[in-house]
Amino acid sequence: MNKKPVTKAEVIKLINLGTVVKNDTSDGYVTIKRKIKGIFEIKIFINGVEKPEVFSNNFEKLLETMKKYDAFYIEEE
């Protein structure tokens, strides 16, 4: 899988289209996807293991989360 960088503006469009968007962190990665209309699911993986908390947030919380990260990408084959 190849990592294709995406801008923050593209992130919202891709999420609304059903694409899972990722961001690498120092010890893992974060995934963001649309769960249902207006609700977004944010999962945190540390060393490849999913943390037990799954955050389901509205659009405002999604924007707050996006401010914390800057190098979003999608995986392409």
N, C-alpha and C. Protein backbone atom coordinates (compact mmCIF):
# COMPACT_ATOMS: atom_id res chain seq x y z
N MET A 1 0.84 -1.18 0.00
CA MET A 1 0.00 0.00 0.00
C MET A 1 0.88 1.25 0.00
N ASN A 2 0.48 2.20 -0.79
CA ASN A 2 1.19 3.48 -0.86
C ASN A 2 0.42 4.54 -0.10
N LYS A 3 1.16 5.41 0.56
CA LYS A 3 0.55 6.53 1.26
C LYS A 3 0.44 7.72 0.32
N LYS A 4 -0.78 8.19 0.11
CA LYS A 4 -1.00 9.37 -0.73
C LYS A 4 -1.35 10.53 0.20
N PRO A 5 -0.48 11.54 0.29
CA PRO A 5 -0.77 12.69 1.16
C PRO A 5 -2.02 13.43 0.69
N VAL A 6 -2.81 13.92 1.64
CA VAL A 6 -3.99 14.72 1.33
C VAL A 6 -3.99 15.96 2.21
N THR A 7 -4.57 17.03 1.67
CA THR A 7 -4.67 18.28 2.42
C THR A 7 -5.83 18.20 3.40
N LYS A 8 -5.86 19.13 4.34
CA LYS A 8 -6.97 19.16 5.30
C LYS A 8 -8.30 19.41 4.60
N ALA A 9 -8.29 20.20 3.54
CA ALA A 9 -9.52 20.43 2.78
C ALA A 9 -10.00 19.14 2.12
N GLU A 10 -9.08 18.35 1.61
CA GLU A 10 -9.44 17.07 0.99
C GLU A 10 -9.93 16.06 2.02
N VAL A 11 -9.43 16.15 3.24
CA VAL A 11 -9.79 15.19 4.29
C VAL A 11 -11.30 15.14 4.47
N ILE A 12 -11.93 16.28 4.62
CA ILE A 12 -13.38 16.31 4.86
C ILE A 12 -14.14 15.72 3.67
N LYS A 13 -13.73 16.07 2.47
CA LYS A 13 -14.39 15.53 1.27
C LYS A 13 -14.24 14.01 1.22
N LEU A 14 -13.02 13.52 1.45
CA LEU A 14 -12.78 12.07 1.40
C LEU A 14 -13.54 11.32 2.48
N ILE A 15 -13.58 11.88 3.68
CA ILE A 15 -14.32 11.23 4.77
C ILE A 15 -15.80 11.13 4.42
N ASN A 16 -16.35 12.19 3.86
CA ASN A 16 -17.76 12.17 3.49
C ASN A 16 -18.05 11.20 2.35
N LEU A 17 -17.03 10.86 1.57
CA LEU A 17 -17.19 9.87 0.51
C LEU A 17 -16.99 8.44 1.02
N GLY A 18 -16.67 8.31 2.32
CA GLY A 18 -16.51 6.98 2.91
C GLY A 18 -15.07 6.48 2.98
N THR A 19 -14.12 7.33 2.64
CA THR A 19 -12.71 6.95 2.69
C THR A 19 -12.17 7.08 4.11
N VAL A 20 -11.34 6.13 4.51
CA VAL A 20 -10.67 6.21 5.81
C VAL A 20 -9.40 7.04 5.62
N VAL A 21 -9.26 8.09 6.41
CA VAL A 21 -8.10 8.97 6.35
C VAL A 21 -7.24 8.69 7.58
N LYS A 22 -5.93 8.67 7.38
CA LYS A 22 -5.01 8.35 8.48
C LYS A 22 -4.02 9.47 8.72
N ASN A 23 -3.43 9.44 9.90
CA ASN A 23 -2.35 10.35 10.27
C ASN A 23 -1.39 9.59 11.17
N ASP A 24 -0.12 9.60 10.83
CA ASP A 24 0.88 8.93 11.66
C ASP A 24 1.19 9.77 12.89
N THR A 25 1.41 9.08 14.01
CA THR A 25 1.84 9.74 15.24
C THR A 25 3.21 9.16 15.61
N SER A 26 3.80 9.66 16.66
CA SER A 26 5.13 9.19 17.04
C SER A 26 5.16 7.71 17.41
N ASP A 27 4.05 7.19 17.92
CA ASP A 27 4.03 5.78 18.35
C ASP A 27 2.90 4.97 17.73
N GLY A 28 2.35 5.45 16.64
CA GLY A 28 1.26 4.72 15.99
C GLY A 28 0.60 5.55 14.90
N TYR A 29 -0.72 5.47 14.84
CA TYR A 29 -1.45 6.26 13.86
C TYR A 29 -2.89 6.46 14.32
N VAL A 30 -3.57 7.37 13.64
CA VAL A 30 -4.97 7.70 13.92
C VAL A 30 -5.75 7.48 12.64
N THR A 31 -6.95 6.89 12.75
CA THR A 31 -7.83 6.78 11.60
C THR A 31 -9.09 7.60 11.86
N ILE A 32 -9.58 8.21 10.80
CA ILE A 32 -10.82 8.98 10.87
C ILE A 32 -11.71 8.51 9.73
N LYS A 33 -12.95 8.19 10.05
CA LYS A 33 -13.91 7.82 9.01
C LYS A 33 -15.30 8.30 9.41
N ARG A 34 -16.16 8.36 8.43
CA ARG A 34 -17.54 8.75 8.67
C ARG A 34 -18.30 7.53 9.15
N LYS A 35 -18.99 7.68 10.26
CA LYS A 35 -19.78 6.58 10.81
C LYS A 35 -21.19 6.65 10.24
N ILE A 36 -21.87 7.73 10.51
CA ILE A 36 -23.17 8.04 9.91
C ILE A 36 -23.16 9.53 9.63
N LYS A 37 -24.16 10.01 8.94
CA LYS A 37 -24.18 11.43 8.58
C LYS A 37 -24.02 12.31 9.83
N GLY A 38 -22.99 13.14 9.81
CA GLY A 38 -22.75 14.07 10.90
C GLY A 38 -21.96 13.51 12.08
N ILE A 39 -21.66 12.20 12.06
CA ILE A 39 -20.90 11.57 13.14
C ILE A 39 -19.65 10.93 12.54
N PHE A 40 -18.51 11.22 13.14
CA PHE A 40 -17.23 10.73 12.63
C PHE A 40 -16.56 9.87 13.69
N GLU A 41 -15.95 8.78 13.25
CA GLU A 41 -15.30 7.85 14.16
C GLU A 41 -13.79 8.05 14.10
N ILE A 42 -13.19 8.26 15.26
CA ILE A 42 -11.75 8.46 15.36
C ILE A 42 -11.17 7.33 16.21
N LYS A 43 -10.25 6.57 15.63
CA LYS A 43 -9.60 5.47 16.34
C LYS A 43 -8.11 5.76 16.46
N ILE A 44 -7.54 5.41 17.60
CA ILE A 44 -6.12 5.62 17.85
C ILE A 44 -5.45 4.26 17.99
N PHE A 45 -4.37 4.08 17.26
CA PHE A 45 -3.60 2.83 17.31
C PHE A 45 -2.20 3.15 17.84
N ILE A 46 -1.79 2.45 18.88
CA ILE A 46 -0.46 2.60 19.46
C ILE A 46 0.31 1.32 19.18
N ASN A 47 1.43 1.44 18.47
CA ASN A 47 2.24 0.28 18.09
C ASN A 47 1.40 -0.81 17.44
N GLY A 48 0.46 -0.40 16.59
CA GLY A 48 -0.37 -1.34 15.85
C GLY A 48 -1.56 -1.90 16.60
N VAL A 49 -1.72 -1.54 17.87
CA VAL A 49 -2.82 -2.06 18.69
C VAL A 49 -3.83 -0.94 18.92
N GLU A 50 -5.10 -1.24 18.63
CA GLU A 50 -6.15 -0.24 18.80
C GLU A 50 -6.39 0.04 20.27
N LYS A 51 -6.41 1.31 20.62
CA LYS A 51 -6.76 1.68 21.99
C LYS A 51 -8.23 1.35 22.20
N PRO A 52 -8.63 1.03 23.41
CA PRO A 52 -10.02 0.62 23.64
C PRO A 52 -11.04 1.72 23.39
N GLU A 53 -10.62 2.98 23.47
CA GLU A 53 -11.58 4.05 23.25
C GLU A 53 -11.75 4.32 21.76
N VAL A 54 -12.98 4.42 21.33
CA VAL A 54 -13.31 4.85 19.98
C VAL A 54 -14.12 6.12 20.15
N PHE A 55 -13.67 7.18 19.51
CA PHE A 55 -14.34 8.45 19.66
C PHE A 55 -15.30 8.67 18.51
N SER A 56 -16.56 8.84 18.81
CA SER A 56 -17.56 9.20 17.82
C SER A 56 -17.94 10.64 18.08
N ASN A 57 -17.62 11.48 17.13
CA ASN A 57 -17.77 12.91 17.34
C ASN A 57 -18.54 13.58 16.22
N ASN A 58 -19.03 14.78 16.53
CA ASN A 58 -19.71 15.57 15.52
C ASN A 58 -18.68 16.36 14.72
N PHE A 59 -19.16 17.18 13.80
CA PHE A 59 -18.28 17.90 12.88
C PHE A 59 -17.33 18.84 13.61
N GLU A 60 -17.81 19.53 14.63
CA GLU A 60 -16.95 20.47 15.36
C GLU A 60 -15.78 19.74 16.03
N LYS A 61 -16.05 18.58 16.62
CA LYS A 61 -14.99 17.79 17.25
C LYS A 61 -14.01 17.26 16.20
N LEU A 62 -14.53 16.94 15.02
CA LEU A 62 -13.66 16.50 13.93
C LEU A 62 -12.68 17.61 13.57
N LEU A 63 -13.17 18.84 13.46
CA LEU A 63 -12.29 19.96 13.13
C LEU A 63 -11.25 20.18 14.22
N GLU A 64 -11.64 20.05 15.48
CA GLU A 64 -10.69 20.18 16.59
C GLU A 64 -9.60 19.11 16.50
N THR A 65 -10.01 17.90 16.19
CA THR A 65 -9.05 16.80 16.06
C THR A 65 -8.10 17.06 14.90
N MET A 66 -8.63 17.55 13.79
CA MET A 66 -7.79 17.82 12.62
C MET A 66 -6.74 18.89 12.91
N LYS A 67 -7.03 19.81 13.80
CA LYS A 67 -6.06 20.85 14.14
C LYS A 67 -4.83 20.26 14.84
N LYS A 68 -5.01 19.13 15.50
CA LYS A 68 -3.91 18.49 16.24
C LYS A 68 -2.90 17.82 15.31
N TYR A 69 -3.33 17.47 14.11
CA TYR A 69 -2.49 16.71 13.19
C TYR A 69 -2.32 17.49 11.89
N ASP A 70 -1.25 17.19 11.15
CA ASP A 70 -1.04 17.94 9.92
C ASP A 70 -0.66 17.10 8.71
N ALA A 71 -0.32 15.86 8.86
CA ALA A 71 0.13 15.05 7.74
C ALA A 71 -0.84 13.91 7.47
N PHE A 72 -2.00 14.23 6.91
CA PHE A 72 -3.00 13.22 6.63
C PHE A 72 -2.67 12.51 5.32
N TYR A 73 -3.13 11.26 5.24
CA TYR A 73 -2.93 10.49 4.02
C TYR A 73 -4.01 9.43 3.88
N ILE A 74 -4.12 8.90 2.66
CA ILE A 74 -4.96 7.74 2.42
C ILE A 74 -4.04 6.65 1.87
N GLU A 75 -4.46 5.42 1.99
CA GLU A 75 -3.66 4.31 1.48
C GLU A 75 -4.23 3.87 0.14
N GLU A 76 -3.35 3.77 -0.85
CA GLU A 76 -3.73 3.33 -2.19
C GLU A 76 -2.93 2.09 -2.55
N GLU A 77 -3.53 1.26 -3.39
CA GLU A 77 -2.81 0.05 -3.83
C GLU A 77 -1.94 0.36 -5.00
